[in-house]
PDB file of N, CA and C in Angstrom:
ATOM      1  N   MET A   1       0.842  -1.181   0.010  1.00  0.00           N
ATOM      2  CA  MET A   1       0.007   0.022  -0.019  1.00  0.00           C
ATOM      3  C   MET A   1       0.896   1.245  -0.001  1.00  0.00           C
ATOM      4  N   ASP A   2       0.812   2.069  -1.039  1.00  0.00           N
ATOM      5  CA  ASP A   2       1.691   3.200  -1.148  1.00  0.00           C
ATOM      6  C   ASP A   2       0.944   4.536  -1.067  1.00  0.00           C
ATOM      7  N   GLU A   3      -0.329   4.498  -0.857  1.00  0.00           N
ATOM      8  CA  GLU A   3      -1.042   5.767  -0.889  1.00  0.00           C
ATOM      9  C   GLU A   3      -2.006   5.848   0.306  1.00  0.00           C
ATOM     10  N   GLU A   4      -2.562   7.008   0.420  1.00  0.00           N
ATOM     11  CA  GLU A   4      -3.479   7.255   1.519  1.00  0.00           C
ATOM     12  C   GLU A   4      -4.825   6.576   1.268  1.00  0.00           C
ATOM     13  N   VAL A   5      -5.484   6.257   2.377  1.00  0.00           N
ATOM     14  CA  VAL A   5      -6.837   5.703   2.288  1.00  0.00           C
ATOM     15  C   VAL A   5      -7.739   6.666   3.087  1.00  0.00           C
ATOM     16  N   VAL A   6      -8.764   7.152   2.396  1.00  0.00           N
ATOM     17  CA  VAL A   6      -9.712   8.094   3.040  1.00  0.00           C
ATOM     18  C   VAL A   6     -10.658   7.307   3.923  1.00  0.00           C
ATOM     19  N   LEU A   7     -10.745   7.666   5.177  1.00  0.00           N
ATOM     20  CA  LEU A   7     -11.713   7.073   6.085  1.00  0.00           C
ATOM     21  C   LEU A   7     -13.055   7.767   5.924  1.00  0.00           C
ATOM     22  N   CYS A   8     -13.041   9.088   6.034  1.00  0.00           N
ATOM     23  CA  CYS A   8     -14.285   9.861   5.888  1.00  0.00           C
ATOM     24  C   CYS A   8     -13.910  11.296   5.571  1.00  0.00           C
ATOM     25  N   ALA A   9     -14.970  12.058   5.142  1.00  0.00           N
ATOM     26  CA  ALA A   9     -14.769  13.474   4.793  1.00  0.00           C
ATOM     27  C   ALA A   9     -16.086  14.184   4.928  1.00  0.00           C
ATOM     28  N   ALA A  10     -16.013  15.468   5.178  1.00  0.00           N
ATOM     29  CA  ALA A  10     -17.181  16.345   5.201  1.00  0.00           C
ATOM     30  C   ALA A  10     -16.829  17.623   4.484  1.00  0.00           C
ATOM     31  N   SER A  11     -17.841  18.162   3.773  1.00  0.00           N
ATOM     32  CA  SER A  11     -17.652  19.375   3.014  1.00  0.00           C
ATOM     33  C   SER A  11     -18.690  20.401   3.367  1.00  0.00           C
ATOM     34  N   ALA A  12     -18.251  21.595   3.737  1.00  0.00           N
ATOM     35  CA  ALA A  12     -19.172  22.694   3.984  1.00  0.00           C
ATOM     36  C   ALA A  12     -19.771  23.186   2.697  1.00  0.00           C
ATOM     37  N   TYR A  13     -19.072  22.991   1.601  1.00  0.00           N
ATOM     38  CA  TYR A  13     -19.578  23.476   0.290  1.00  0.00           C
ATOM     39  C   TYR A  13     -20.756  22.630  -0.227  1.00  0.00           C
ATOM     40  N   GLU A  14     -20.627  21.361  -0.093  1.00  0.00           N
ATOM     41  CA  GLU A  14     -21.694  20.464  -0.602  1.00  0.00           C
ATOM     42  C   GLU A  14     -22.642  20.016   0.533  1.00  0.00           C
ATOM     43  N   GLU A  15     -22.287  20.397   1.772  1.00  0.00           N
ATOM     44  CA  GLU A  15     -23.050  20.006   2.947  1.00  0.00           C
ATOM     45  C   GLU A  15     -23.321  18.505   2.942  1.00  0.00           C
ATOM     46  N   LYS A  16     -22.207  17.763   2.739  1.00  0.00           N
ATOM     47  CA  LYS A  16     -22.317  16.302   2.687  1.00  0.00           C
ATOM     48  C   LYS A  16     -21.210  15.671   3.516  1.00  0.00           C
ATOM     49  N   PHE A  17     -21.524  14.444   4.012  1.00  0.00           N
ATOM     50  CA  PHE A  17     -20.549  13.629   4.723  1.00  0.00           C
ATOM     51  C   PHE A  17     -20.335  12.374   3.913  1.00  0.00           C
ATOM     52  N   TYR A  18     -19.112  11.897   3.829  1.00  0.00           N
ATOM     53  CA  TYR A  18     -18.761  10.691   3.112  1.00  0.00           C
ATOM     54  C   TYR A  18     -18.027   9.744   4.057  1.00  0.00           C
ATOM     55  N   LEU A  19     -18.460   8.492   4.111  1.00  0.00           N
ATOM     56  CA  LEU A  19     -17.757   7.458   4.831  1.00  0.00           C
ATOM     57  C   LEU A  19     -17.346   6.398   3.814  1.00  0.00           C
ATOM     58  N   ASN A  20     -16.070   6.122   3.723  1.00  0.00           N
ATOM     59  CA  ASN A  20     -15.575   5.098   2.784  1.00  0.00           C
ATOM     60  C   ASN A  20     -16.283   3.783   3.070  1.00  0.00           C
ATOM     61  N   PRO A  21     -16.929   3.181   2.047  1.00  0.00           N
ATOM     62  CA  PRO A  21     -17.695   1.950   2.255  1.00  0.00           C
ATOM     63  C   PRO A  21     -16.824   0.791   2.778  1.00  0.00           C
ATOM     64  N   GLU A  22     -15.507   0.872   2.609  1.00  0.00           N
ATOM     65  CA  GLU A  22     -14.607  -0.167   3.106  1.00  0.00           C
ATOM     66  C   GLU A  22     -14.649  -0.200   4.644  1.00  0.00           C
ATOM     67  N   PHE A  23     -15.140   0.861   5.285  1.00  0.00           N
ATOM     68  CA  PHE A  23     -15.154   0.915   6.729  1.00  0.00           C
ATOM     69  C   PHE A  23     -16.557   0.698   7.320  1.00  0.00           C
ATOM     70  N   ASP A  24     -17.452   0.106   6.515  1.00  0.00           N
ATOM     71  CA  ASP A  24     -18.771  -0.255   7.006  1.00  0.00           C
ATOM     72  C   ASP A  24     -18.747  -1.194   8.205  1.00  0.00           C
ATOM     73  N   PRO A  25     -17.718  -2.077   8.332  1.00  0.00           N
ATOM     74  CA  PRO A  25     -17.673  -2.958   9.514  1.00  0.00           C
ATOM     75  C   PRO A  25     -17.486  -2.239  10.834  1.00  0.00           C
ATOM     76  N   LEU A  26     -17.107  -0.948  10.821  1.00  0.00           N
ATOM     77  CA  LEU A  26     -16.963  -0.222  12.065  1.00  0.00           C
ATOM     78  C   LEU A  26     -18.291  -0.179  12.827  1.00  0.00           C
ATOM     79  N   PRO A  27     -18.231  -0.174  14.149  1.00  0.00           N
ATOM     80  CA  PRO A  27     -19.482  -0.071  14.918  1.00  0.00           C
ATOM     81  C   PRO A  27     -20.265   1.199  14.540  1.00  0.00           C
ATOM     82  N   GLU A  28     -21.574   1.083  14.588  1.00  0.00           N
ATOM     83  CA  GLU A  28     -22.458   2.201  14.222  1.00  0.00           C
ATOM     84  C   GLU A  28     -22.131   3.445  15.076  1.00  0.00           C
ATOM     85  N   THR A  29     -21.841   3.243  16.379  1.00  0.00           N
ATOM     86  CA  THR A  29     -21.544   4.410  17.250  1.00  0.00           C
ATOM     87  C   THR A  29     -20.281   5.141  16.791  1.00  0.00           C
ATOM     88  N   VAL A  30     -19.299   4.396  16.290  1.00  0.00           N
ATOM     89  CA  VAL A  30     -18.061   5.017  15.814  1.00  0.00           C
ATOM     90  C   VAL A  30     -18.359   5.800  14.529  1.00  0.00           C
ATOM     91  N   LYS A  31     -19.111   5.209  13.640  1.00  0.00           N
ATOM     92  CA  LYS A  31     -19.475   5.895  12.406  1.00  0.00           C
ATOM     93  C   LYS A  31     -20.258   7.177  12.666  1.00  0.00           C
ATOM     94  N   GLN A  32     -21.179   7.120  13.674  1.00  0.00           N
ATOM     95  CA  GLN A  32     -21.958   8.310  14.021  1.00  0.00           C
ATOM     96  C   GLN A  32     -21.060   9.376  14.625  1.00  0.00           C
ATOM     97  N   GLU A  33     -20.141   8.951  15.485  1.00  0.00           N
ATOM     98  CA  GLU A  33     -19.217   9.899  16.125  1.00  0.00           C
ATOM     99  C   GLU A  33     -18.343  10.616  15.065  1.00  0.00           C
ATOM    100  N   LEU A  34     -17.884   9.865  14.089  1.00  0.00           N
ATOM    101  CA  LEU A  34     -17.101  10.425  13.000  1.00  0.00           C
ATOM    102  C   LEU A  34     -17.924  11.451  12.237  1.00  0.00           C
ATOM    103  N   GLN A  35     -19.159  11.083  11.935  1.00  0.00           N
ATOM    104  CA  GLN A  35     -20.012  12.005  11.144  1.00  0.00           C
ATOM    105  C   GLN A  35     -20.298  13.269  11.931  1.00  0.00           C
ATOM    106  N   ILE A  36     -20.657  13.159  13.169  1.00  0.00           N
ATOM    107  CA  ILE A  36     -20.938  14.344  13.994  1.00  0.00           C
ATOM    108  C   ILE A  36     -19.694  15.230  14.092  1.00  0.00           C
ATOM    109  N   MET A  37     -18.541  14.619  14.356  1.00  0.00           N
ATOM    110  CA  MET A  37     -17.333  15.363  14.485  1.00  0.00           C
ATOM    111  C   MET A  37     -16.971  16.155  13.208  1.00  0.00           C
ATOM    112  N   CYS A  38     -17.051  15.477  12.044  1.00  0.00           N
ATOM    113  CA  CYS A  38     -16.690  16.093  10.787  1.00  0.00           C
ATOM    114  C   CYS A  38     -17.688  17.205  10.398  1.00  0.00           C
ATOM    115  N   VAL A  39     -18.973  16.911  10.560  1.00  0.00           N
ATOM    116  CA  VAL A  39     -19.987  17.904  10.172  1.00  0.00           C
ATOM    117  C   VAL A  39     -19.899  19.146  11.086  1.00  0.00           C
ATOM    118  N   LEU A  40     -19.713  18.934  12.381  1.00  0.00           N
ATOM    119  CA  LEU A  40     -19.582  20.072  13.306  1.00  0.00           C
ATOM    120  C   LEU A  40     -18.343  20.910  12.946  1.00  0.00           C
ATOM    121  N   TYR A  41     -17.258  20.251  12.593  1.00  0.00           N
ATOM    122  CA  TYR A  41     -16.047  20.945  12.194  1.00  0.00           C
ATOM    123  C   TYR A  41     -16.323  21.867  10.996  1.00  0.00           C
ATOM    124  N   THR A  42     -16.939  21.326   9.939  1.00  0.00           N
ATOM    125  CA  THR A  42     -17.156  22.111   8.753  1.00  0.00           C
ATOM    126  C   THR A  42     -18.227  23.189   8.978  1.00  0.00           C
ATOM    127  N   ALA A  43     -19.156  22.945   9.887  1.00  0.00           N
ATOM    128  CA  ALA A  43     -20.135  23.984  10.213  1.00  0.00           C
ATOM    129  C   ALA A  43     -19.474  25.147  10.950  1.00  0.00           C
ATOM    130  N   ASP A  44     -18.499  24.799  11.796  1.00  0.00           N
ATOM    131  CA  ASP A  44     -17.788  25.841  12.578  1.00  0.00           C
ATOM    132  C   ASP A  44     -16.839  26.681  11.724  1.00  0.00           C
ATOM    133  N   VAL A  45     -15.988  26.023  10.959  1.00  0.00           N
ATOM    134  CA  VAL A  45     -14.902  26.770  10.268  1.00  0.00           C
ATOM    135  C   VAL A  45     -15.019  26.763   8.760  1.00  0.00           C
ATOM    136  N   GLY A  46     -15.877  25.901   8.221  1.00  0.00           N
ATOM    137  CA  GLY A  46     -16.014  25.815   6.759  1.00  0.00           C
ATOM    138  C   GLY A  46     -15.031  24.861   6.128  1.00  0.00           C
ATOM    139  N   GLY A  47     -14.944  24.885   4.837  1.00  0.00           N
ATOM    140  CA  GLY A  47     -13.953  24.078   4.118  1.00  0.00           C
ATOM    141  C   GLY A  47     -14.315  22.583   4.062  1.00  0.00           C
ATOM    142  N   ILE A  48     -13.297  21.803   3.940  1.00  0.00           N
ATOM    143  CA  ILE A  48     -13.448  20.357   3.807  1.00  0.00           C
ATOM    144  C   ILE A  48     -12.490  19.715   4.835  1.00  0.00           C
ATOM    145  N   LEU A  49     -13.010  18.749   5.575  1.00  0.00           N
ATOM    146  CA  LEU A  49     -12.194  17.977   6.523  1.00  0.00           C
ATOM    147  C   LEU A  49     -12.185  16.544   6.039  1.00  0.00           C
ATOM    148  N   MET A  50     -10.943  15.972   5.935  1.00  0.00           N
ATOM    149  CA  MET A  50     -10.800  14.578   5.547  1.00  0.00           C
ATOM    150  C   MET A  50      -9.968  13.878   6.618  1.00  0.00           C
ATOM    151  N   LEU A  51     -10.387  12.665   6.968  1.00  0.00           N
ATOM    152  CA  LEU A  51      -9.596  11.824   7.844  1.00  0.00           C
ATOM    153  C   LEU A  51      -9.013  10.730   6.947  1.00  0.00           C
ATOM    154  N   VAL A  52      -7.687  10.659   6.878  1.00  0.00           N
ATOM    155  CA  VAL A  52      -7.030   9.709   5.985  1.00  0.00           C
ATOM    156  C   VAL A  52      -5.953   8.955   6.737  1.00  0.00           C
ATOM    157  N   PHE A  53      -5.774   7.700   6.328  1.00  0.00           N
ATOM    158  CA  PHE A  53      -4.681   6.887   6.861  1.00  0.00           C
ATOM    159  C   PHE A  53      -3.526   6.947   5.859  1.00  0.00           C
ATOM    160  N   ASP A  54      -2.335   7.187   6.407  1.00  0.00           N
ATOM    161  CA  ASP A  54      -1.132   7.169   5.508  1.00  0.00           C
ATOM    162  C   ASP A  54      -0.696   5.747   5.314  1.00  0.00           C
ATOM    163  N   GLU A  55       0.401   5.523   4.590  1.00  0.00           N
ATOM    164  CA  GLU A  55       0.845   4.189   4.228  1.00  0.00           C
ATOM    165  C   GLU A  55       1.286   3.385   5.446  1.00  0.00           C
ATOM    166  N   ASN A  56       1.559   4.062   6.587  1.00  0.00           N
ATOM    167  CA  ASN A  56       1.936   3.364   7.814  1.00  0.00           C
ATOM    168  C   ASN A  56       0.764   3.125   8.766  1.00  0.00           C
ATOM    169  N   GLY A  57      -0.443   3.582   8.361  1.00  0.00           N
ATOM    170  CA  GLY A  57      -1.615   3.381   9.198  1.00  0.00           C
ATOM    171  C   GLY A  57      -1.853   4.472  10.190  1.00  0.00           C
ATOM    172  N   ASN A  58      -1.137   5.603  10.033  1.00  0.00           N
ATOM    173  CA  ASN A  58      -1.370   6.739  10.921  1.00  0.00           C
ATOM    174  C   ASN A  58      -2.540   7.580  10.406  1.00  0.00           C
ATOM    175  N   LEU A  59      -3.409   7.975  11.310  1.00  0.00           N
ATOM    176  CA  LEU A  59      -4.574   8.752  10.956  1.00  0.00           C
ATOM    177  C   LEU A  59      -4.218  10.222  10.922  1.00  0.00           C
ATOM    178  N   GLU A  60      -4.502  10.884   9.803  1.00  0.00           N
ATOM    179  CA  GLU A  60      -4.230  12.304   9.676  1.00  0.00           C
ATOM    180  C   GLU A  60      -5.534  13.059   9.428  1.00  0.00           C
ATOM    181  N   LEU A  61      -5.619  14.265   9.974  1.00  0.00           N
ATOM    182  CA  LEU A  61      -6.736  15.136   9.718  1.00  0.00           C
ATOM    183  C   LEU A  61      -6.268  16.167   8.701  1.00  0.00           C
ATOM    184  N   LYS A  62      -6.861  16.147   7.530  1.00  0.00           N
ATOM    185  CA  LYS A  62      -6.462  17.075   6.471  1.00  0.00           C
ATOM    186  C   LYS A  62      -7.619  18.032   6.181  1.00  0.00           C
ATOM    187  N   VAL A  63      -7.180  19.288   6.030  1.00  0.00           N
ATOM    188  CA  VAL A  63      -8.173  20.375   5.828  1.00  0.00           C
ATOM    189  C   VAL A  63      -7.853  21.025   4.462  1.00  0.00           C
ATOM    190  N   ASP A  64      -8.920  21.320   3.760  1.00  0.00           N
ATOM    191  CA  ASP A  64      -8.775  22.024   2.484  1.00  0.00           C
ATOM    192  C   ASP A  64      -9.908  23.060   2.398  1.00  0.00           C
ATOM    193  N   HIS A  65      -9.696  24.067   1.573  1.00  0.00           N
ATOM    194  CA  HIS A  65     -10.744  25.032   1.330  1.00  0.00           C
ATOM    195  C   HIS A  65     -10.531  25.653  -0.033  1.00  0.00           C
ATOM    196  N   GLU A  66     -11.632  26.161  -0.591  1.00  0.00           N
ATOM    197  CA  GLU A  66     -11.531  26.798  -1.883  1.00  0.00           C
ATOM    198  C   GLU A  66     -10.728  28.098  -1.785  1.00  0.00           C
ATOM    199  N   GLU A  67      -9.992  28.373  -2.837  1.00  0.00           N
ATOM    200  CA  GLU A  67      -9.107  29.527  -2.821  1.00  0.00           C
ATOM    201  C   GLU A  67      -9.838  30.827  -2.550  1.00  0.00           C
ATOM    202  N   ASN A  68     -11.039  30.998  -3.089  1.00  0.00           N
ATOM    203  CA  ASN A  68     -11.786  32.242  -2.950  1.00  0.00           C
ATOM    204  C   ASN A  68     -12.777  32.184  -1.767  1.00  0.00           C
ATOM    205  N   ASP A  69     -12.602  31.285  -0.847  1.00  0.00           N
ATOM    206  CA  ASP A  69     -13.518  31.189   0.283  1.00  0.00           C
ATOM    207  C   ASP A  69     -13.010  32.052   1.423  1.00  0.00           C
ATOM    208  N   PHE A  70     -13.493  33.286   1.440  1.00  0.00           N
ATOM    209  CA  PHE A  70     -13.046  34.237   2.451  1.00  0.00           C
ATOM    210  C   PHE A  70     -13.733  34.020   3.781  1.00  0.00           C
ATOM    211  N   ALA A  71     -14.739  33.183   3.814  1.00  0.00           N
ATOM    212  CA  ALA A  71     -15.445  32.881   5.070  1.00  0.00           C
ATOM    213  C   ALA A  71     -14.731  31.748   5.837  1.00  0.00           C
ATOM    214  N   PHE A  72     -13.792  31.035   5.160  1.00  0.00           N
ATOM    215  CA  PHE A  72     -13.069  29.963   5.852  1.00  0.00           C
ATOM    216  C   PHE A  72     -12.234  30.533   6.984  1.00  0.00           C
ATOM    217  N   ASP A  73     -12.351  29.975   8.173  1.00  0.00           N
ATOM    218  CA  ASP A  73     -11.667  30.427   9.374  1.00  0.00           C
ATOM    219  C   ASP A  73     -10.379  29.662   9.558  1.00  0.00           C
ATOM    220  N   GLU A  74      -9.292  30.180   9.006  1.00  0.00           N
ATOM    221  CA  GLU A  74      -8.004  29.476   9.058  1.00  0.00           C
ATOM    222  C   GLU A  74      -7.472  29.283  10.479  1.00  0.00           C
ATOM    223  N   ILE A  75      -7.555  30.319  11.277  1.00  0.00           N
ATOM    224  CA  ILE A  75      -7.086  30.199  12.675  1.00  0.00           C
ATOM    225  C   ILE A  75      -7.991  29.283  13.454  1.00  0.00           C
ATOM    226  N   GLY A  76      -9.310  29.423  13.294  1.00  0.00           N
ATOM    227  CA  GLY A  76     -10.252  28.520  13.950  1.00  0.00           C
ATOM    228  C   GLY A  76     -10.027  27.067  13.533  1.00  0.00           C
ATOM    229  N   SER A  77      -9.621  26.869  12.287  1.00  0.00           N
ATOM    230  CA  SER A  77      -9.373  25.507  11.787  1.00  0.00           C
ATOM    231  C   SER A  77      -8.236  24.853  12.550  1.00  0.00           C
ATOM    232  N   VAL A  78      -7.138  25.595  12.675  1.00  0.00           N
ATOM    233  CA  VAL A  78      -5.960  25.068  13.391  1.00  0.00           C
ATOM    234  C   VAL A  78      -6.326  24.753  14.852  1.00  0.00           C
ATOM    235  N   LEU A  79      -7.057  25.645  15.487  1.00  0.00           N
ATOM    236  CA  LEU A  79      -7.436  25.450  16.877  1.00  0.00           C
ATOM    237  C   LEU A  79      -8.397  24.246  17.026  1.00  0.00           C
ATOM    238  N   LYS A  80      -9.312  24.119  16.082  1.00  0.00           N
ATOM    239  CA  LYS A  80     -10.277  23.013  16.130  1.00  0.00           C
ATOM    240  C   LYS A  80      -9.607  21.677  15.906  1.00  0.00           C
ATOM    241  N   ILE A  81      -8.671  21.629  14.984  1.00  0.00           N
ATOM    242  CA  ILE A  81      -7.936  20.384  14.714  1.00  0.00           C
ATOM    243  C   ILE A  81      -7.134  19.983  15.984  1.00  0.00           C
ATOM    244  N   LYS A  82      -6.469  20.917  16.629  1.00  0.00           N
ATOM    245  CA  LYS A  82      -5.735  20.612  17.858  1.00  0.00           C
ATOM    246  C   LYS A  82      -6.687  20.097  18.957  1.00  0.00           C
ATOM    247  N   GLU A  83      -7.859  20.716  19.022  1.00  0.00           N
ATOM    248  CA  GLU A  83      -8.859  20.280  20.039  1.00  0.00           C
ATOM    249  C   GLU A  83      -9.321  18.860  19.718  1.00  0.00           C
ATOM    250  N   LEU A  84      -9.602  18.584  18.458  1.00  0.00           N
ATOM    251  CA  LEU A  84     -10.034  17.227  18.079  1.00  0.00           C
ATOM    252  C   LEU A  84      -8.948  16.204  18.370  1.00  0.00           C
ATOM    253  N   GLN A  85      -7.701  16.520  18.061  1.00  0.00           N
ATOM    254  CA  GLN A  85      -6.600  15.595  18.340  1.00  0.00           C
ATOM    255  C   GLN A  85      -6.490  15.307  19.839  1.00  0.00           C
ATOM    256  N   ARG A  86      -6.822  16.292  20.635  1.00  0.00           N
ATOM    257  CA  ARG A  86      -6.743  16.112  22.091  1.00  0.00           C
ATOM    258  C   ARG A  86      -7.958  15.345  22.613  1.00  0.00           C
ATOM    259  N   THR A  87      -9.146  15.781  22.226  1.00  0.00           N
ATOM    260  CA  THR A  87     -10.372  15.215  22.820  1.00  0.00           C
ATOM    261  C   THR A  87     -10.783  13.848  22.173  1.00  0.00           C
ATOM    262  N   LYS A  88     -10.303  13.615  21.006  1.00  0.00           N
ATOM    263  CA  LYS A  88     -10.666  12.350  20.307  1.00  0.00           C
ATOM    264  C   LYS A  88      -9.501  11.394  20.194  1.00  0.00           C
ATOM    265  N   ARG A  89      -8.482  11.581  21.027  1.00  0.00           N
ATOM    266  CA  ARG A  89      -7.282  10.783  20.964  1.00  0.00           C
ATOM    267  C   ARG A  89      -7.585   9.268  21.046  1.00  0.00           C
ATOM    268  N   ASP A  90      -8.447   8.849  21.994  1.00  0.00           N
ATOM    269  CA  ASP A  90      -8.748   7.423  22.123  1.00  0.00           C
ATOM    270  C   ASP A  90      -9.413   6.875  20.869  1.00  0.00           C
ATOM    271  N   LEU A  91     -10.362   7.652  20.337  1.00  0.00           N
ATOM    272  CA  LEU A  91     -11.045   7.221  19.083  1.00  0.00           C
ATOM    273  C   LEU A  91     -10.031   7.059  17.941  1.00  0.00           C
ATOM    274  N   PHE A  92      -9.159   8.085  17.768  1.00  0.00           N
ATOM    275  CA  PHE A  92      -8.192   8.036  16.698  1.00  0.00           C
ATOM    276  C   PHE A  92      -7.229   6.864  16.864  1.00  0.00           C
ATOM    277  N   GLU A  93      -6.755   6.629  18.112  1.00  0.00           N
ATOM    278  CA  GLU A  93      -5.847   5.511  18.343  1.00  0.00           C
ATOM    279  C   GLU A  93      -6.532   4.166  18.027  1.00  0.00           C
ATOM    280  N   SER A  94      -7.797   4.037  18.402  1.00  0.00           N
ATOM    281  CA  SER A  94      -8.561   2.799  18.119  1.00  0.00           C
ATOM    282  C   SER A  94      -8.715   2.581  16.609  1.00  0.00           C
ATOM    283  N   LEU A  95      -8.995   3.685  15.893  1.00  0.00           N
ATOM    284  CA  LEU A  95      -9.134   3.601  14.450  1.00  0.00           C
ATOM    285  C   LEU A  95      -7.811   3.206  13.790  1.00  0.00           C
ATOM    286  N   GLU A  96      -6.696   3.750  14.286  1.00  0.00           N
ATOM    287  CA  GLU A  96      -5.382   3.383  13.757  1.00  0.00           C
ATOM    288  C   GLU A  96      -5.121   1.898  13.992  1.00  0.00           C
ATOM    289  N   MET A  97      -5.458   1.388  15.204  1.00  0.00           N
ATOM    290  CA  MET A  97      -5.225   0.003  15.493  1.00  0.00           C
ATOM    291  C   MET A  97      -6.093  -0.897  14.584  1.00  0.00           C
ATOM    292  N   PHE A  98      -7.372  -0.520  14.429  1.00  0.00           N
ATOM    293  CA  PHE A  98      -8.235  -1.260  13.515  1.00  0.00           C
ATOM    294  C   PHE A  98      -7.657  -1.312  12.116  1.00  0.00           C
ATOM    295  N   PHE A  99      -7.213  -0.146  11.618  1.00  0.00           N
ATOM    296  CA  PHE A  99      -6.695  -0.096  10.248  1.00  0.00           C
ATOM    297  C   PHE A  99      -5.426  -0.964  10.113  1.00  0.00           C
ATOM    298  N   LYS A 100      -4.516  -0.834  11.076  1.00  0.00           N
ATOM    299  CA  LYS A 100      -3.261  -1.588  11.023  1.00  0.00           C
ATOM    300  C   LYS A 100      -3.508  -3.091  11.055  1.00  0.00           C
ATOM    301  N   MET A 101      -4.488  -3.501  11.854  1.00  0.00           N
ATOM    302  CA  MET A 101      -4.748  -4.936  11.978  1.00  0.00           C
ATOM    303  C   MET A 101      -5.472  -5.499  10.760  1.00  0.00           C
ATOM    304  N   PHE A 102      -6.513  -4.791  10.328  1.00  0.00           N
ATOM    305  CA  PHE A 102      -7.393  -5.379   9.277  1.00  0.00           C
ATOM    306  C   PHE A 102      -6.963  -5.015   7.843  1.00  0.00           C
ATOM    307  N   TYR A 103      -6.227  -3.884   7.719  1.00  0.00           N
ATOM    308  CA  TYR A 103      -5.820  -3.473   6.355  1.00  0.00           C
ATOM    309  C   TYR A 103      -4.344  -3.712   6.087  1.00  0.00           C
ATOM    310  N   LEU A 104      -3.547  -3.531   7.135  1.00  0.00           N
ATOM    311  CA  LEU A 104      -2.093  -3.737   6.937  1.00  0.00           C
ATOM    312  C   LEU A 104      -1.618  -5.089   7.426  1.00  0.00           C
ATOM    313  N   GLY A 105      -2.513  -5.810   8.101  1.00  0.00           N
ATOM    314  CA  GLY A 105      -2.191  -7.169   8.552  1.00  0.00           C
ATOM    315  C   GLY A 105      -1.214  -7.253   9.696  1.00  0.00           C
ATOM    316  N   GLU A 106      -1.111  -6.167  10.478  1.00  0.00           N
ATOM    317  CA  GLU A 106      -0.172  -6.179  11.615  1.00  0.00           C
ATOM    318  C   GLU A 106      -0.833  -6.905  12.792  1.00  0.00           C
ATOM    319  N   GLU A 107       0.036  -7.433  13.632  1.00  0.00           N
ATOM    320  CA  GLU A 107      -0.454  -8.122  14.828  1.00  0.00           C
ATOM    321  C   GLU A 107      -0.700  -7.116  15.941  1.00  0.00           C
ATOM    322  N   ALA A 108      -1.660  -7.407  16.814  1.00  0.00           N
ATOM    323  CA  ALA A 108      -1.864  -6.577  17.999  1.00  0.00           C
ATOM    324  C   ALA A 108      -0.667  -6.750  18.915  1.00  0.00           C
ATOM    325  N   ASP A 109      -0.226  -5.662  19.524  1.00  0.00           N
ATOM    326  CA  ASP A 109       0.968  -5.700  20.349  1.00  0.00           C
ATOM    327  C   ASP A 109       0.662  -5.783  21.834  1.00  0.00           C
ATOM    328  N   GLY A 110      -0.386  -6.507  22.181  1.00  0.00           N
ATOM    329  CA  GLY A 110      -0.682  -6.815  23.579  1.00  0.00           C
ATOM    330  C   GLY A 110      -1.127  -5.659  24.441  1.00  0.00           C
ATOM    331  N   GLU A 111      -1.510  -4.570  23.834  1.00  0.00           N
ATOM    332  CA  GLU A 111      -1.969  -3.438  24.666  1.00  0.00           C
ATOM    333  C   GLU A 111      -3.407  -3.602  25.033  1.00  0.00           C
TER     334      GLU A 111
END
């Protein structure tokens, strides 16, 4: 695997949430939490939020916005991402473990 895998994304422009169908096996509560988190983020600061796994199975929060979107809150975006990384740490770590085990075939390391 040499490229990123998108877990989910939300767009303030299209007012839509996308969950990669490959992750349908995730518990419904996890899928709902991801949707709420992403939609609230885009409602607060605008733009597009994507959660992607890199080739090593690390979960990254990527933000994008249209060049002429003057309503996009760049400072708010940085602060919100830091807040999510802090408050959703357990969720993100669990998702990384799930991805590494089921997609990369790594063994659980007894944690």
